[in-house]
Protein backbone atom coordinates (compact mmCIF):
# COMPACT_ATOMS: atom_id res chain seq x y z
CA UNK A 1 -25.79 -24.82 16.16
CA UNK A 2 -24.20 -24.39 12.76
CA UNK A 3 -21.41 -21.90 12.36
CA UNK A 4 -19.21 -20.65 9.53
CA UNK A 5 -17.08 -23.79 9.76
CA UNK A 6 -20.02 -25.80 8.43
CA UNK A 7 -19.80 -24.01 5.07
CA UNK A 8 -18.02 -26.00 2.38
CA UNK A 9 -16.59 -22.73 1.01
CA UNK A 10 -14.97 -22.05 4.39
CA UNK A 11 -13.62 -25.61 4.62
CA UNK A 12 -11.97 -25.36 1.22
CA UNK A 13 -10.64 -21.88 1.97
CA UNK A 14 -9.12 -23.21 5.19
CA UNK A 15 -7.53 -26.07 3.22
CA UNK A 16 -5.87 -23.49 0.96
CA UNK A 17 -4.57 -21.55 3.97
CA UNK A 18 -3.18 -24.73 5.53
CA UNK A 19 -1.25 -25.56 2.35
CA UNK A 20 -0.03 -21.97 1.97
CA UNK A 21 1.28 -22.06 5.55
CA UNK A 22 3.10 -25.28 4.74
CA UNK A 23 4.58 -23.74 1.58
CA UNK A 24 5.71 -20.70 3.54
CA UNK A 25 7.28 -22.74 6.32
CA UNK A 26 9.04 -25.34 4.21
CA UNK A 27 9.50 -23.97 0.69
CA UNK A 28 10.08 -20.23 1.05
CA UNK A 29 12.98 -18.91 -1.03
CA UNK A 30 13.96 -15.31 -1.88
CA UNK A 31 12.64 -15.60 -5.47
CA UNK A 32 9.30 -16.94 -4.20
CA UNK A 33 9.06 -14.62 -1.21
CA UNK A 34 6.85 -11.90 -2.68
CA UNK A 35 4.43 -14.40 -4.22
CA UNK A 36 4.19 -16.48 -1.04
CA UNK A 37 3.71 -13.37 1.10
CA UNK A 38 0.88 -12.06 -1.07
CA UNK A 39 -0.62 -15.55 -1.31
CA UNK A 40 -0.62 -15.80 2.48
CA UNK A 41 -2.60 -12.55 2.70
CA UNK A 42 -5.08 -13.33 -0.07
CA UNK A 43 -5.81 -16.89 1.05
CA UNK A 44 -6.30 -15.77 4.64
CA UNK A 45 -8.54 -12.93 3.44
CA UNK A 46 -10.71 -15.48 1.64
CA UNK A 47 -11.18 -17.61 4.73
CA UNK A 48 -11.69 -14.71 7.11
CA UNK A 49 -14.18 -12.86 4.90
CA UNK A 50 -16.30 -15.98 4.53
CA UNK A 51 -16.26 -16.27 8.34
CA UNK A 52 -17.09 -12.63 8.94
CA UNK A 53 -19.81 -12.54 6.30
CA UNK A 54 -21.45 -15.61 7.75
CA UNK A 55 -21.30 -14.15 11.26
CA UNK A 56 -23.02 -10.94 10.14
CA UNK A 57 -25.58 -12.59 7.86
CA UNK A 58 -27.32 -9.29 7.25
CA UNK A 59 -28.01 -9.11 3.52
CA UNK A 60 -25.76 -6.28 2.33
CA UNK A 61 -22.91 -6.93 4.80
CA UNK A 62 -22.89 -10.66 4.06
CA UNK A 63 -22.77 -10.01 0.31
CA UNK A 64 -19.99 -7.44 0.80
CA UNK A 65 -17.80 -9.97 2.62
CA UNK A 66 -18.62 -12.69 0.10
CA UNK A 67 -17.57 -10.34 -2.71
CA UNK A 68 -14.27 -9.65 -0.94
CA UNK A 69 -13.78 -13.39 -0.33
CA UNK A 70 -14.42 -14.09 -4.00
CA UNK A 71 -11.91 -11.45 -5.11
CA UNK A 72 -9.33 -12.82 -2.70
CA UNK A 73 -9.97 -16.38 -3.94
CA UNK A 74 -9.37 -15.22 -7.52
CA UNK A 75 -6.16 -13.51 -6.39
CA UNK A 76 -5.05 -16.67 -4.57
CA UNK A 77 -5.67 -18.73 -7.69
CA UNK A 78 -3.55 -16.38 -9.79
CA UNK A 79 -0.70 -16.50 -7.28
CA UNK A 80 -0.84 -20.30 -7.03
CA UNK A 81 -0.65 -20.47 -10.82
CA UNK A 82 2.47 -18.28 -10.67
CA UNK A 83 4.07 -20.61 -8.12
CA UNK A 84 3.27 -23.57 -10.33
CA UNK A 85 4.33 -21.97 -13.63
CA UNK A 86 7.68 -20.87 -12.21
CA UNK A 87 8.23 -23.99 -10.12
CA UNK A 88 8.64 -21.95 -6.97
CA UNK A 89 7.05 -24.61 -4.74
CA UNK A 90 6.40 -28.37 -5.09
CA UNK A 91 3.93 -29.00 -7.91
CA UNK A 92 1.68 -31.52 -6.16
CA UNK A 93 1.26 -29.26 -3.14
CA UNK A 94 0.47 -26.21 -5.27
CA UNK A 95 -1.91 -28.21 -7.48
CA UNK A 96 -3.83 -29.37 -4.41
CA UNK A 97 -4.16 -25.78 -3.19
CA UNK A 98 -5.15 -24.68 -6.69
CA UNK A 99 -7.98 -27.22 -6.86
CA UNK A 100 -9.27 -25.99 -3.52
CA UNK A 101 -8.93 -22.34 -4.49
CA UNK A 102 -10.91 -22.88 -7.71
CA UNK A 103 -13.59 -24.68 -5.73
CA UNK A 104 -13.72 -21.78 -3.25
CA UNK A 105 -14.33 -19.41 -6.18
CA UNK A 106 -17.25 -21.53 -7.41
CA UNK A 107 -18.72 -22.03 -3.95
CA UNK A 108 -18.44 -18.34 -3.09
CA UNK A 109 -20.15 -17.38 -6.34
CA UNK A 110 -22.90 -19.85 -5.45
CA UNK A 111 -23.35 -18.21 -2.06
CA UNK A 112 -23.42 -14.79 -3.71
CA UNK A 113 -26.15 -15.93 -6.09
CA UNK A 114 -28.11 -17.50 -3.25
CA UNK A 115 -27.98 -14.40 -1.07
CA UNK A 116 -28.37 -11.82 -3.85
CA UNK A 117 -32.02 -12.75 -4.12
CA UNK A 118 -32.51 -12.07 -0.41
CA UNK A 119 -32.06 -8.29 -0.47
């Protein structure tokens, strides 16, 4: 049986969380602390809302969670760009997370479009 982990959007969101955890564990500094803390929350929110929405799969509730996941993915992207712009974490690591976060945004929008027609 397929579950939420079969969704490409969830897989990419999980990849972002994994990188953010690595950044937090190995590259946290006081100047980066607020950004990394907020990034941890927003990236986790993305992953968890995709999971919860998929589990519910009732039209309005699924769309609600996908909307939250999309907003959190946008927030994560903004925060990753801040880390990169201010060199608060290793560039290659942040760039990898940023690619995944942008893909999550696109995939989540695709899911929203798919399920908006199924009211």
